[in-house]
Amino acid sequence: MRKLISTGSPFEKTAGYSRAVVDGEWCFVSGTTGYNYATMTMPDSVEEQTRNCLSTIRAALEEGGFTMADVVRAHYYITDRAFVDVVFPILGETFGEIRPAATMIVCQLNKPEMLIEIEVTALKRRS
């Protein structure tokens, strides 16, 4: 069973993607930036953007019937090497016990206000 999950972001319709796609026991969450999608505002700090990313991802996973504990893979994209030590503790708060396979890449993102983007894949845990 395939389920498409949306945050209502205008980017999803314009670019033709879903925030997340659930397919069977898997949930694939698209790259998520630090926007508050309810207000379409972007905080200035990478810390706040990281927390917004994680909040949006958590909500998408929950809508699909998953939890953060189901995350098995994470990709982090940051725009400045200096952000590594800033976001690591925030990521550790969320993923410290879960410990998904992860990669962090320093790169440019689609808009200059975007400082971080996070993408995750989750696999439903068996009881």
PDB file of N, CA and C in Angstrom:
ATOM      1  N   MET A   1       0.837  -1.177   0.000  1.00  0.00           N
ATOM      2  CA  MET A   1       0.000   0.000   0.000  1.00  0.00           C
ATOM      3  C   MET A   1       0.892   1.253   0.000  1.00  0.00           C
ATOM      4  N   ARG A   2       0.653   2.138  -0.919  1.00  0.00           N
ATOM      5  CA  ARG A   2       1.440   3.371  -1.058  1.00  0.00           C
ATOM      6  C   ARG A   2       0.616   4.546  -0.564  1.00  0.00           C
ATOM      7  N   LYS A   3       1.230   5.360   0.311  1.00  0.00           N
ATOM      8  CA  LYS A   3       0.554   6.532   0.850  1.00  0.00           C
ATOM      9  C   LYS A   3       1.459   7.736   0.663  1.00  0.00           C
ATOM     10  N   LEU A   4       0.889   8.829   0.138  1.00  0.00           N
ATOM     11  CA  LEU A   4       1.623  10.064  -0.048  1.00  0.00           C
ATOM     12  C   LEU A   4       1.293  11.010   1.097  1.00  0.00           C
ATOM     13  N   ILE A   5       2.316  11.632   1.685  1.00  0.00           N
ATOM     14  CA  ILE A   5       2.146  12.534   2.815  1.00  0.00           C
ATOM     15  C   ILE A   5       2.614  13.922   2.396  1.00  0.00           C
ATOM     16  N   SER A   6       1.827  14.939   2.740  1.00  0.00           N
ATOM     17  CA  SER A   6       2.141  16.316   2.376  1.00  0.00           C
ATOM     18  C   SER A   6       2.140  17.204   3.613  1.00  0.00           C
ATOM     19  N   THR A   7       2.986  18.246   3.601  1.00  0.00           N
ATOM     20  CA  THR A   7       2.952  19.257   4.653  1.00  0.00           C
ATOM     21  C   THR A   7       2.106  20.446   4.222  1.00  0.00           C
ATOM     22  N   GLY A   8       1.689  20.454   2.965  1.00  0.00           N
ATOM     23  CA  GLY A   8       0.971  21.596   2.431  1.00  0.00           C
ATOM     24  C   GLY A   8       1.900  22.671   1.895  1.00  0.00           C
ATOM     25  N   SER A   9       3.192  22.387   1.883  1.00  0.00           N
ATOM     26  CA  SER A   9       4.167  23.340   1.366  1.00  0.00           C
ATOM     27  C   SER A   9       3.906  23.596  -0.111  1.00  0.00           C
ATOM     28  N   PRO A  10       3.979  24.846  -0.544  1.00  0.00           N
ATOM     29  CA  PRO A  10       3.785  25.121  -1.973  1.00  0.00           C
ATOM     30  C   PRO A  10       4.877  24.490  -2.838  1.00  0.00           C
ATOM     31  N   PHE A  11       6.046  24.226  -2.244  1.00  0.00           N
ATOM     32  CA  PHE A  11       7.129  23.595  -3.002  1.00  0.00           C
ATOM     33  C   PHE A  11       6.741  22.202  -3.490  1.00  0.00           C
ATOM     34  N   GLU A  12       5.959  21.488  -2.685  1.00  0.00           N
ATOM     35  CA  GLU A  12       5.581  20.118  -3.048  1.00  0.00           C
ATOM     36  C   GLU A  12       4.793  20.091  -4.350  1.00  0.00           C
ATOM     37  N   LYS A  13       3.824  20.982  -4.472  1.00  0.00           N
ATOM     38  CA  LYS A  13       3.023  21.011  -5.695  1.00  0.00           C
ATOM     39  C   LYS A  13       3.839  21.531  -6.877  1.00  0.00           C
ATOM     40  N   THR A  14       4.588  22.616  -6.654  1.00  0.00           N
ATOM     41  CA  THR A  14       5.360  23.225  -7.734  1.00  0.00           C
ATOM     42  C   THR A  14       6.404  22.266  -8.297  1.00  0.00           C
ATOM     43  N   ALA A  15       7.128  21.588  -7.403  1.00  0.00           N
ATOM     44  CA  ALA A  15       8.206  20.698  -7.841  1.00  0.00           C
ATOM     45  C   ALA A  15       7.737  19.259  -8.050  1.00  0.00           C
ATOM     46  N   GLY A  16       6.498  18.953  -7.683  1.00  0.00           N
ATOM     47  CA  GLY A  16       5.949  17.625  -7.939  1.00  0.00           C
ATOM     48  C   GLY A  16       6.522  16.532  -7.065  1.00  0.00           C
ATOM     49  N   TYR A  17       6.496  16.735  -5.743  1.00  0.00           N
ATOM     50  CA  TYR A  17       6.978  15.694  -4.834  1.00  0.00           C
ATOM     51  C   TYR A  17       6.113  15.643  -3.583  1.00  0.00           C
ATOM     52  N   SER A  18       6.278  14.601  -2.811  1.00  0.00           N
ATOM     53  CA  SER A  18       5.600  14.438  -1.530  1.00  0.00           C
ATOM     54  C   SER A  18       6.599  14.626  -0.408  1.00  0.00           C
ATOM     55  N   ARG A  19       6.140  15.132   0.722  1.00  0.00           N
ATOM     56  CA  ARG A  19       7.024  15.237   1.892  1.00  0.00           C
ATOM     57  C   ARG A  19       7.535  13.852   2.253  1.00  0.00           C
ATOM     58  N   ALA A  20       6.636  12.863   2.176  1.00  0.00           N
ATOM     59  CA  ALA A  20       7.036  11.484   2.457  1.00  0.00           C
ATOM     60  C   ALA A  20       6.180  10.539   1.637  1.00  0.00           C
ATOM     61  N   VAL A  21       6.747   9.371   1.389  1.00  0.00           N
ATOM     62  CA  VAL A  21       6.019   8.298   0.716  1.00  0.00           C
ATOM     63  C   VAL A  21       6.165   7.051   1.570  1.00  0.00           C
ATOM     64  N   VAL A  22       5.023   6.480   1.934  1.00  0.00           N
ATOM     65  CA  VAL A  22       5.016   5.208   2.654  1.00  0.00           C
ATOM     66  C   VAL A  22       4.723   4.130   1.628  1.00  0.00           C
ATOM     67  N   ASP A  23       5.564   3.121   1.611  1.00  0.00           N
ATOM     68  CA  ASP A  23       5.361   1.975   0.722  1.00  0.00           C
ATOM     69  C   ASP A  23       5.631   0.725   1.543  1.00  0.00           C
ATOM     70  N   GLY A  24       4.574   0.053   1.951  1.00  0.00           N
ATOM     71  CA  GLY A  24       4.712  -1.135   2.794  1.00  0.00           C
ATOM     72  C   GLY A  24       5.304  -0.773   4.141  1.00  0.00           C
ATOM     73  N   GLU A  25       6.396  -1.406   4.478  1.00  0.00           N
ATOM     74  CA  GLU A  25       7.057  -1.203   5.767  1.00  0.00           C
ATOM     75  C   GLU A  25       8.081  -0.072   5.733  1.00  0.00           C
ATOM     76  N   TRP A  26       8.173   0.623   4.594  1.00  0.00           N
ATOM     77  CA  TRP A  26       9.161   1.687   4.413  1.00  0.00           C
ATOM     78  C   TRP A  26       8.500   3.049   4.373  1.00  0.00           C
ATOM     79  N   CYS A  27       9.215   4.050   4.883  1.00  0.00           N
ATOM     80  CA  CYS A  27       8.801   5.437   4.742  1.00  0.00           C
ATOM     81  C   CYS A  27      10.013   6.238   4.284  1.00  0.00           C
ATOM     82  N   PHE A  28       9.859   6.919   3.160  1.00  0.00           N
ATOM     83  CA  PHE A  28      10.920   7.735   2.577  1.00  0.00           C
ATOM     84  C   PHE A  28      10.526   9.194   2.745  1.00  0.00           C
ATOM     85  N   VAL A  29      11.281   9.935   3.553  1.00  0.00           N
ATOM     86  CA  VAL A  29      10.977  11.345   3.795  1.00  0.00           C
ATOM     87  C   VAL A  29      11.907  12.195   2.941  1.00  0.00           C
ATOM     88  N   SER A  30      11.313  13.058   2.137  1.00  0.00           N
ATOM     89  CA  SER A  30      12.078  13.948   1.256  1.00  0.00           C
ATOM     90  C   SER A  30      12.988  14.864   2.050  1.00  0.00           C
ATOM     91  N   GLY A  31      13.980  15.410   1.360  1.00  0.00           N
ATOM     92  CA  GLY A  31      14.824  16.420   1.979  1.00  0.00           C
ATOM     93  C   GLY A  31      13.951  17.524   2.549  1.00  0.00           C
ATOM     94  N   THR A  32      14.172  17.820   3.814  1.00  0.00           N
ATOM     95  CA  THR A  32      13.320  18.751   4.553  1.00  0.00           C
ATOM     96  C   THR A  32      14.175  19.901   5.068  1.00  0.00           C
ATOM     97  N   THR A  33      13.802  21.112   4.712  1.00  0.00           N
ATOM     98  CA  THR A  33      14.546  22.286   5.168  1.00  0.00           C
ATOM     99  C   THR A  33      13.879  22.870   6.408  1.00  0.00           C
ATOM    100  N   GLY A  34      14.442  23.953   6.911  1.00  0.00           N
ATOM    101  CA  GLY A  34      14.042  24.501   8.189  1.00  0.00           C
ATOM    102  C   GLY A  34      12.830  25.401   8.197  1.00  0.00           C
ATOM    103  N   TYR A  35      12.061  25.422   7.123  1.00  0.00           N
ATOM    104  CA  TYR A  35      10.841  26.233   7.112  1.00  0.00           C
ATOM    105  C   TYR A  35       9.864  25.767   8.170  1.00  0.00           C
ATOM    106  N   ASN A  36       9.137  26.718   8.711  1.00  0.00           N
ATOM    107  CA  ASN A  36       7.928  26.410   9.457  1.00  0.00           C
ATOM    108  C   ASN A  36       6.857  26.396   8.373  1.00  0.00           C
ATOM    109  N   TYR A  37       6.370  25.237   7.987  1.00  0.00           N
ATOM    110  CA  TYR A  37       5.477  25.131   6.844  1.00  0.00           C
ATOM    111  C   TYR A  37       4.088  25.691   7.121  1.00  0.00           C
ATOM    112  N   ALA A  38       3.726  25.872   8.382  1.00  0.00           N
ATOM    113  CA  ALA A  38       2.440  26.492   8.713  1.00  0.00           C
ATOM    114  C   ALA A  38       2.463  27.978   8.375  1.00  0.00           C
ATOM    115  N   THR A  39       3.612  28.624   8.590  1.00  0.00           N
ATOM    116  CA  THR A  39       3.722  30.072   8.351  1.00  0.00           C
ATOM    117  C   THR A  39       4.594  30.399   7.144  1.00  0.00           C
ATOM    118  N   MET A  40       5.271  29.396   6.591  1.00  0.00           N
ATOM    119  CA  MET A  40       6.222  29.563   5.489  1.00  0.00           C
ATOM    120  C   MET A  40       7.291  30.593   5.846  1.00  0.00           C
ATOM    121  N   THR A  41       7.752  30.532   7.088  1.00  0.00           N
ATOM    122  CA  THR A  41       8.852  31.383   7.533  1.00  0.00           C
ATOM    123  C   THR A  41      10.073  30.517   7.792  1.00  0.00           C
ATOM    124  N   MET A  42      11.234  31.135   7.628  1.00  0.00           N
ATOM    125  CA  MET A  42      12.505  30.440   7.826  1.00  0.00           C
ATOM    126  C   MET A  42      13.273  31.157   8.936  1.00  0.00           C
ATOM    127  N   PRO A  43      13.619  30.449  10.011  1.00  0.00           N
ATOM    128  CA  PRO A  43      14.436  31.082  11.055  1.00  0.00           C
ATOM    129  C   PRO A  43      15.825  31.413  10.507  1.00  0.00           C
ATOM    130  N   ASP A  44      16.491  32.348  11.164  1.00  0.00           N
ATOM    131  CA  ASP A  44      17.826  32.753  10.731  1.00  0.00           C
ATOM    132  C   ASP A  44      18.914  31.778  11.160  1.00  0.00           C
ATOM    133  N   SER A  45      18.743  31.112  12.291  1.00  0.00           N
ATOM    134  CA  SER A  45      19.826  30.289  12.832  1.00  0.00           C
ATOM    135  C   SER A  45      19.740  28.842  12.361  1.00  0.00           C
ATOM    136  N   VAL A  46      20.892  28.227  12.195  1.00  0.00           N
ATOM    137  CA  VAL A  46      20.944  26.825  11.798  1.00  0.00           C
ATOM    138  C   VAL A  46      20.364  25.935  12.896  1.00  0.00           C
ATOM    139  N   GLU A  47      20.490  26.362  14.144  1.00  0.00           N
ATOM    140  CA  GLU A  47      19.923  25.568  15.253  1.00  0.00           C
ATOM    141  C   GLU A  47      18.405  25.487  15.127  1.00  0.00           C
ATOM    142  N   GLU A  48      17.758  26.639  14.937  1.00  0.00           N
ATOM    143  CA  GLU A  48      16.301  26.648  14.798  1.00  0.00           C
ATOM    144  C   GLU A  48      15.864  25.922  13.535  1.00  0.00           C
ATOM    145  N   GLN A  49      16.611  26.105  12.456  1.00  0.00           N
ATOM    146  CA  GLN A  49      16.275  25.399  11.220  1.00  0.00           C
ATOM    147  C   GLN A  49      16.368  23.886  11.416  1.00  0.00           C
ATOM    148  N   THR A  50      17.387  23.437  12.126  1.00  0.00           N
ATOM    149  CA  THR A  50      17.544  22.002  12.382  1.00  0.00           C
ATOM    150  C   THR A  50      16.359  21.473  13.169  1.00  0.00           C
ATOM    151  N   ARG A  51      15.958  22.198  14.201  1.00  0.00           N
ATOM    152  CA  ARG A  51      14.809  21.763  15.009  1.00  0.00           C
ATOM    153  C   ARG A  51      13.526  21.740  14.176  1.00  0.00           C
ATOM    154  N   ASN A  52      13.349  22.723  13.291  1.00  0.00           N
ATOM    155  CA  ASN A  52      12.184  22.716  12.401  1.00  0.00           C
ATOM    156  C   ASN A  52      12.218  21.522  11.454  1.00  0.00           C
ATOM    157  N   CYS A  53      13.395  21.236  10.894  1.00  0.00           N
ATOM    158  CA  CYS A  53      13.528  20.060  10.014  1.00  0.00           C
ATOM    159  C   CYS A  53      13.061  18.806  10.746  1.00  0.00           C
ATOM    160  N   LEU A  54      13.581  18.612  11.945  1.00  0.00           N
ATOM    161  CA  LEU A  54      13.272  17.406  12.713  1.00  0.00           C
ATOM    162  C   LEU A  54      11.795  17.341  13.092  1.00  0.00           C
ATOM    163  N   SER A  55      11.211  18.477  13.404  1.00  0.00           N
ATOM    164  CA  SER A  55       9.792  18.523  13.740  1.00  0.00           C
ATOM    165  C   SER A  55       8.925  18.143  12.539  1.00  0.00           C
ATOM    166  N   THR A  56       9.262  18.680  11.379  1.00  0.00           N
ATOM    167  CA  THR A  56       8.518  18.361  10.160  1.00  0.00           C
ATOM    168  C   THR A  56       8.673  16.883   9.815  1.00  0.00           C
ATOM    169  N   ILE A  57       9.889  16.364   9.945  1.00  0.00           N
ATOM    170  CA  ILE A  57      10.138  14.938   9.669  1.00  0.00           C
ATOM    171  C   ILE A  57       9.357  14.060  10.636  1.00  0.00           C
ATOM    172  N   ARG A  58       9.387  14.405  11.913  1.00  0.00           N
ATOM    173  CA  ARG A  58       8.661  13.634  12.933  1.00  0.00           C
ATOM    174  C   ARG A  58       7.161  13.587  12.598  1.00  0.00           C
ATOM    175  N   ALA A  59       6.597  14.735  12.229  1.00  0.00           N
ATOM    176  CA  ALA A  59       5.170  14.795  11.895  1.00  0.00           C
ATOM    177  C   ALA A  59       4.845  13.941  10.664  1.00  0.00           C
ATOM    178  N   ALA A  60       5.701  13.990   9.650  1.00  0.00           N
ATOM    179  CA  ALA A  60       5.475  13.180   8.441  1.00  0.00           C
ATOM    180  C   ALA A  60       5.549  11.689   8.770  1.00  0.00           C
ATOM    181  N   LEU A  61       6.543  11.317   9.563  1.00  0.00           N
ATOM    182  CA  LEU A  61       6.665   9.904   9.966  1.00  0.00           C
ATOM    183  C   LEU A  61       5.432   9.458  10.737  1.00  0.00           C
ATOM    184  N   GLU A  62       4.998  10.275  11.686  1.00  0.00           N
ATOM    185  CA  GLU A  62       3.835   9.907  12.502  1.00  0.00           C
ATOM    186  C   GLU A  62       2.577   9.784  11.657  1.00  0.00           C
ATOM    187  N   GLU A  63       2.405  10.690  10.688  1.00  0.00           N
ATOM    188  CA  GLU A  63       1.244  10.597   9.801  1.00  0.00           C
ATOM    189  C   GLU A  63       1.257   9.288   9.017  1.00  0.00           C
ATOM    190  N   GLY A  64       2.456   8.802   8.727  1.00  0.00           N
ATOM    191  CA  GLY A  64       2.593   7.539   8.000  1.00  0.00           C
ATOM    192  C   GLY A  64       2.574   6.310   8.891  1.00  0.00           C
ATOM    193  N   GLY A  65       2.454   6.500  10.215  1.00  0.00           N
ATOM    194  CA  GLY A  65       2.415   5.364  11.133  1.00  0.00           C
ATOM    195  C   GLY A  65       3.783   4.924  11.629  1.00  0.00           C
ATOM    196  N   PHE A  66       4.772   5.811  11.542  1.00  0.00           N
ATOM    197  CA  PHE A  66       6.146   5.522  11.958  1.00  0.00           C
ATOM    198  C   PHE A  66       6.537   6.437  13.108  1.00  0.00           C
ATOM    199  N   THR A  67       7.675   6.146  13.721  1.00  0.00           N
ATOM    200  CA  THR A  67       8.248   7.018  14.738  1.00  0.00           C
ATOM    201  C   THR A  67       9.692   7.314  14.345  1.00  0.00           C
ATOM    202  N   MET A  68      10.301   8.253  15.042  1.00  0.00           N
ATOM    203  CA  MET A  68      11.713   8.546  14.794  1.00  0.00           C
ATOM    204  C   MET A  68      12.572   7.307  15.056  1.00  0.00           C
ATOM    205  N   ALA A  69      12.150   6.452  15.960  1.00  0.00           N
ATOM    206  CA  ALA A  69      12.911   5.234  16.266  1.00  0.00           C
ATOM    207  C   ALA A  69      12.984   4.288  15.076  1.00  0.00           C
ATOM    208  N   ASP A  70      12.109   4.468  14.085  1.00  0.00           N
ATOM    209  CA  ASP A  70      12.121   3.630  12.885  1.00  0.00           C
ATOM    210  C   ASP A  70      13.143   4.094  11.842  1.00  0.00           C
ATOM    211  N   VAL A  71      13.743   5.258  12.048  1.00  0.00           N
ATOM    212  CA  VAL A  71      14.693   5.800  11.066  1.00  0.00           C
ATOM    213  C   VAL A  71      15.942   4.925  11.008  1.00  0.00           C
ATOM    214  N   VAL A  72      16.277   4.471   9.791  1.00  0.00           N
ATOM    215  CA  VAL A  72      17.452   3.620   9.591  1.00  0.00           C
ATOM    216  C   VAL A  72      18.546   4.315   8.777  1.00  0.00           C
ATOM    217  N   ARG A  73      18.191   5.431   8.113  1.00  0.00           N
ATOM    218  CA  ARG A  73      19.158   6.140   7.278  1.00  0.00           C
ATOM    219  C   ARG A  73      18.854   7.622   7.338  1.00  0.00           C
ATOM    220  N   ALA A  74      19.889   8.445   7.463  1.00  0.00           N
ATOM    221  CA  ALA A  74      19.718   9.900   7.475  1.00  0.00           C
ATOM    222  C   ALA A  74      20.804  10.550   6.628  1.00  0.00           C
ATOM    223  N   HIS A  75      20.400  11.535   5.862  1.00  0.00           N
ATOM    224  CA  HIS A  75      21.333  12.365   5.098  1.00  0.00           C
ATOM    225  C   HIS A  75      21.160  13.792   5.584  1.00  0.00           C
ATOM    226  N   TYR A  76      22.264  14.431   5.927  1.00  0.00           N
ATOM    227  CA  TYR A  76      22.270  15.817   6.387  1.00  0.00           C
ATOM    228  C   TYR A  76      23.058  16.640   5.384  1.00  0.00           C
ATOM    229  N   TYR A  77      22.483  17.739   4.942  1.00  0.00           N
ATOM    230  CA  TYR A  77      23.135  18.646   4.015  1.00  0.00           C
ATOM    231  C   TYR A  77      23.232  20.007   4.701  1.00  0.00           C
ATOM    232  N   ILE A  78      24.432  20.530   4.866  1.00  0.00           N
ATOM    233  CA  ILE A  78      24.637  21.826   5.499  1.00  0.00           C
ATOM    234  C   ILE A  78      25.419  22.730   4.547  1.00  0.00           C
ATOM    235  N   THR A  79      25.253  24.037   4.717  1.00  0.00           N
ATOM    236  CA  THR A  79      25.867  24.973   3.773  1.00  0.00           C
ATOM    237  C   THR A  79      27.212  25.516   4.242  1.00  0.00           C
ATOM    238  N   ASP A  80      27.608  25.168   5.465  1.00  0.00           N
ATOM    239  CA  ASP A  80      28.866  25.681   5.997  1.00  0.00           C
ATOM    240  C   ASP A  80      29.469  24.641   6.936  1.00  0.00           C
ATOM    241  N   ARG A  81      30.744  24.355   6.731  1.00  0.00           N
ATOM    242  CA  ARG A  81      31.462  23.381   7.562  1.00  0.00           C
ATOM    243  C   ARG A  81      31.379  23.751   9.053  1.00  0.00           C
ATOM    244  N   ALA A  82      31.286  25.033   9.348  1.00  0.00           N
ATOM    245  CA  ALA A  82      31.207  25.502  10.734  1.00  0.00           C
ATOM    246  C   ALA A  82      29.934  25.025  11.428  1.00  0.00           C
ATOM    247  N   PHE A  83      28.932  24.618  10.669  1.00  0.00           N
ATOM    248  CA  PHE A  83      27.675  24.162  11.260  1.00  0.00           C
ATOM    249  C   PHE A  83      27.765  22.754  11.845  1.00  0.00           C
ATOM    250  N   VAL A  84      28.778  21.997  11.467  1.00  0.00           N
ATOM    251  CA  VAL A  84      28.897  20.610  11.928  1.00  0.00           C
ATOM    252  C   VAL A  84      28.797  20.530  13.449  1.00  0.00           C
ATOM    253  N   ASP A  85      29.652  21.261  14.142  1.00  0.00           N
ATOM    254  CA  ASP A  85      29.667  21.195  15.598  1.00  0.00           C
ATOM    255  C   ASP A  85      28.444  21.841  16.232  1.00  0.00           C
ATOM    256  N   VAL A  86      27.737  22.662  15.489  1.00  0.00           N
ATOM    257  CA  VAL A  86      26.521  23.303  16.000  1.00  0.00           C
ATOM    258  C   VAL A  86      25.337  22.344  15.935  1.00  0.00           C
ATOM    259  N   VAL A  87      25.213  21.603  14.824  1.00  0.00           N
ATOM    260  CA  VAL A  87      24.037  20.738  14.656  1.00  0.00           C
ATOM    261  C   VAL A  87      24.230  19.345  15.243  1.00  0.00           C
ATOM    262  N   PHE A  88      25.464  18.890  15.407  1.00  0.00           N
ATOM    263  CA  PHE A  88      25.673  17.547  15.961  1.00  0.00           C
ATOM    264  C   PHE A  88      24.929  17.330  17.281  1.00  0.00           C
ATOM    265  N   PRO A  89      25.018  18.240  18.256  1.00  0.00           N
ATOM    266  CA  PRO A  89      24.305  18.000  19.511  1.00  0.00           C
ATOM    267  C   PRO A  89      22.783  17.943  19.339  1.00  0.00           C
ATOM    268  N   ILE A  90      22.244  18.741  18.424  1.00  0.00           N
ATOM    269  CA  ILE A  90      20.796  18.728  18.180  1.00  0.00           C
ATOM    270  C   ILE A  90      20.392  17.402  17.549  1.00  0.00           C
ATOM    271  N   LEU A  91      21.177  16.944  16.586  1.00  0.00           N
ATOM    272  CA  LEU A  91      20.904  15.646  15.961  1.00  0.00           C
ATOM    273  C   LEU A  91      21.045  14.527  16.983  1.00  0.00           C
ATOM    274  N   GLY A  92      22.031  14.656  17.860  1.00  0.00           N
ATOM    275  CA  GLY A  92      22.246  13.659  18.897  1.00  0.00           C
ATOM    276  C   GLY A  92      21.083  13.560  19.867  1.00  0.00           C
ATOM    277  N   GLU A  93      20.403  14.685  20.145  1.00  0.00           N
ATOM    278  CA  GLU A  93      19.223  14.663  21.012  1.00  0.00           C
ATOM    279  C   GLU A  93      18.138  13.766  20.420  1.00  0.00           C
ATOM    280  N   THR A  94      18.010  13.811  19.113  1.00  0.00           N
ATOM    281  CA  THR A  94      16.966  13.037  18.433  1.00  0.00           C
ATOM    282  C   THR A  94      17.415  11.621  18.091  1.00  0.00           C
ATOM    283  N   PHE A  95      18.625  11.491  17.574  1.00  0.00           N
ATOM    284  CA  PHE A  95      19.064  10.207  17.024  1.00  0.00           C
ATOM    285  C   PHE A  95      20.097   9.475  17.871  1.00  0.00           C
ATOM    286  N   GLY A  96      20.467  10.018  19.025  1.00  0.00           N
ATOM    287  CA  GLY A  96      21.523   9.437  19.853  1.00  0.00           C
ATOM    288  C   GLY A  96      21.331   7.977  20.199  1.00  0.00           C
ATOM    289  N   GLU A  97      20.111   7.595  20.549  1.00  0.00           N
ATOM    290  CA  GLU A  97      19.827   6.203  20.888  1.00  0.00           C
ATOM    291  C   GLU A  97      19.407   5.389  19.667  1.00  0.00           C
ATOM    292  N   ILE A  98      18.917   6.059  18.647  1.00  0.00           N
ATOM    293  CA  ILE A  98      18.426   5.381  17.439  1.00  0.00           C
ATOM    294  C   ILE A  98      19.587   4.974  16.544  1.00  0.00           C
ATOM    295  N   ARG A  99      20.543   5.879  16.402  1.00  0.00           N
ATOM    296  CA  ARG A  99      21.788   5.676  15.663  1.00  0.00           C
ATOM    297  C   ARG A  99      21.606   5.127  14.244  1.00  0.00           C
ATOM    298  N   PRO A 100      20.873   5.877  13.388  1.00  0.00           N
ATOM    299  CA  PRO A 100      20.747   5.437  11.999  1.00  0.00           C
ATOM    300  C   PRO A 100      22.079   5.573  11.263  1.00  0.00           C
ATOM    301  N   ALA A 101      22.222   4.862  10.171  1.00  0.00           N
ATOM    302  CA  ALA A 101      23.352   5.102   9.275  1.00  0.00           C
ATOM    303  C   ALA A 101      23.179   6.525   8.753  1.00  0.00           C
ATOM    304  N   ALA A 102      24.258   7.309   8.735  1.00  0.00           N
ATOM    305  CA  ALA A 102      24.098   8.718   8.392  1.00  0.00           C
ATOM    306  C   ALA A 102      25.283   9.249   7.602  1.00  0.00           C
ATOM    307  N   THR A 103      24.996  10.296   6.825  1.00  0.00           N
ATOM    308  CA  THR A 103      26.007  11.001   6.053  1.00  0.00           C
ATOM    309  C   THR A 103      25.734  12.487   6.177  1.00  0.00           C
ATOM    310  N   MET A 104      26.792  13.288   6.333  1.00  0.00           N
ATOM    311  CA  MET A 104      26.649  14.739   6.323  1.00  0.00           C
ATOM    312  C   MET A 104      27.493  15.291   5.186  1.00  0.00           C
ATOM    313  N   ILE A 105      26.895  16.178   4.407  1.00  0.00           N
ATOM    314  CA  ILE A 105      27.552  16.759   3.250  1.00  0.00           C
ATOM    315  C   ILE A 105      27.482  18.284   3.346  1.00  0.00           C
ATOM    316  N   VAL A 106      28.588  18.947   3.062  1.00  0.00           N
ATOM    317  CA  VAL A 106      28.615  20.407   2.977  1.00  0.00           C
ATOM    318  C   VAL A 106      28.380  20.769   1.518  1.00  0.00           C
ATOM    319  N   CYS A 107      27.357  21.610   1.270  1.00  0.00           N
ATOM    320  CA  CYS A 107      26.973  21.914  -0.109  1.00  0.00           C
ATOM    321  C   CYS A 107      26.150  23.202  -0.153  1.00  0.00           C
ATOM    322  N   GLN A 108      25.770  23.584  -1.336  1.00  0.00           N
ATOM    323  CA  GLN A 108      24.815  24.674  -1.505  1.00  0.00           C
ATOM    324  C   GLN A 108      23.422  24.071  -1.520  1.00  0.00           C
ATOM    325  N   LEU A 109      22.457  24.830  -1.010  1.00  0.00           N
ATOM    326  CA  LEU A 109      21.061  24.394  -1.064  1.00  0.00           C
ATOM    327  C   LEU A 109      20.294  25.302  -2.022  1.00  0.00           C
ATOM    328  N   ASN A 110      19.025  25.008  -2.251  1.00  0.00           N
ATOM    329  CA  ASN A 110      18.255  25.679  -3.296  1.00  0.00           C
ATOM    330  C   ASN A 110      18.062  27.176  -3.116  1.00  0.00           C
ATOM    331  N   LYS A 111      17.981  27.636  -1.877  1.00  0.00           N
ATOM    332  CA  LYS A 111      17.771  29.062  -1.608  1.00  0.00           C
ATOM    333  C   LYS A 111      18.786  29.513  -0.561  1.00  0.00           C
ATOM    334  N   PRO A 112      19.243  30.750  -0.639  1.00  0.00           N
ATOM    335  CA  PRO A 112      20.308  31.204   0.272  1.00  0.00           C
ATOM    336  C   PRO A 112      19.937  31.157   1.748  1.00  0.00           C
ATOM    337  N   GLU A 113      18.651  31.276   2.078  1.00  0.00           N
ATOM    338  CA  GLU A 113      18.244  31.223   3.489  1.00  0.00           C
ATOM    339  C   GLU A 113      18.271  29.808   4.070  1.00  0.00           C
ATOM    340  N   MET A 114      18.343  28.816   3.217  1.00  0.00           N
ATOM    341  CA  MET A 114      18.392  27.417   3.666  1.00  0.00           C
ATOM    342  C   MET A 114      19.795  27.090   4.134  1.00  0.00           C
ATOM    343  N   LEU A 115      19.929  26.699   5.403  1.00  0.00           N
ATOM    344  CA  LEU A 115      21.231  26.381   5.971  1.00  0.00           C
ATOM    345  C   LEU A 115      21.433  24.886   6.183  1.00  0.00           C
ATOM    346  N   ILE A 116      20.333  24.137   6.277  1.00  0.00           N
ATOM    347  CA  ILE A 116      20.394  22.694   6.489  1.00  0.00           C
ATOM    348  C   ILE A 116      19.195  22.034   5.812  1.00  0.00           C
ATOM    349  N   GLU A 117      19.398  20.824   5.348  1.00  0.00           N
ATOM    350  CA  GLU A 117      18.326  19.991   4.801  1.00  0.00           C
ATOM    351  C   GLU A 117      18.572  18.579   5.315  1.00  0.00           C
ATOM    352  N   ILE A 118      17.504  17.918   5.734  1.00  0.00           N
ATOM    353  CA  ILE A 118      17.618  16.565   6.288  1.00  0.00           C
ATOM    354  C   ILE A 118      16.646  15.654   5.550  1.00  0.00           C
ATOM    355  N   GLU A 119      17.136  14.478   5.181  1.00  0.00           N
ATOM    356  CA  GLU A 119      16.344  13.455   4.496  1.00  0.00           C
ATOM    357  C   GLU A 119      16.500  12.155   5.287  1.00  0.00           C
ATOM    358  N   VAL A 120      15.405  11.442   5.515  1.00  0.00           N
ATOM    359  CA  VAL A 120      15.507  10.178   6.244  1.00  0.00           C
ATOM    360  C   VAL A 120      14.710   9.076   5.563  1.00  0.00           C
ATOM    361  N   THR A 121      15.105   7.855   5.873  1.00  0.00           N
ATOM    362  CA  THR A 121      14.386   6.658   5.461  1.00  0.00           C
ATOM    363  C   THR A 121      14.103   5.852   6.715  1.00  0.00           C
ATOM    364  N   ALA A 122      12.870   5.375   6.827  1.00  0.00           N
ATOM    365  CA  ALA A 122      12.480   4.589   8.009  1.00  0.00           C
ATOM    366  C   ALA A 122      11.945   3.228   7.582  1.00  0.00           C
ATOM    367  N   LEU A 123      12.211   2.251   8.420  1.00  0.00           N
ATOM    368  CA  LEU A 123      11.712   0.886   8.236  1.00  0.00           C
ATOM    369  C   LEU A 123      10.943   0.516   9.498  1.00  0.00           C
ATOM    370  N   LYS A 124       9.687   0.108   9.324  1.00  0.00           N
ATOM    371  CA  LYS A 124       8.824  -0.216  10.457  1.00  0.00           C
ATOM    372  C   LYS A 124       9.470  -1.282  11.319  1.00  0.00           C
ATOM    373  N   ARG A 125       9.602  -0.971  12.606  1.00  0.00           N
ATOM    374  CA  ARG A 125      10.185  -1.930  13.562  1.00  0.00           C
ATOM    375  C   ARG A 125       9.210  -3.065  13.828  1.00  0.00           C
ATOM    376  N   ARG A 126       9.744  -4.225  13.963  1.00  0.00           N
ATOM    377  CA  ARG A 126       8.904  -5.393  14.309  1.00  0.00           C
ATOM    378  C   ARG A 126       8.904  -5.548  15.807  1.00  0.00           C
ATOM    379  N   SER A 127       7.750  -5.806  16.353  1.00  0.00           N
ATOM    380  CA  SER A 127       7.643  -5.954  17.818  1.00  0.00           C
ATOM    381  C   SER A 127       8.235  -7.248  18.307  1.00  0.00           C
TER     382      SER A 127
END
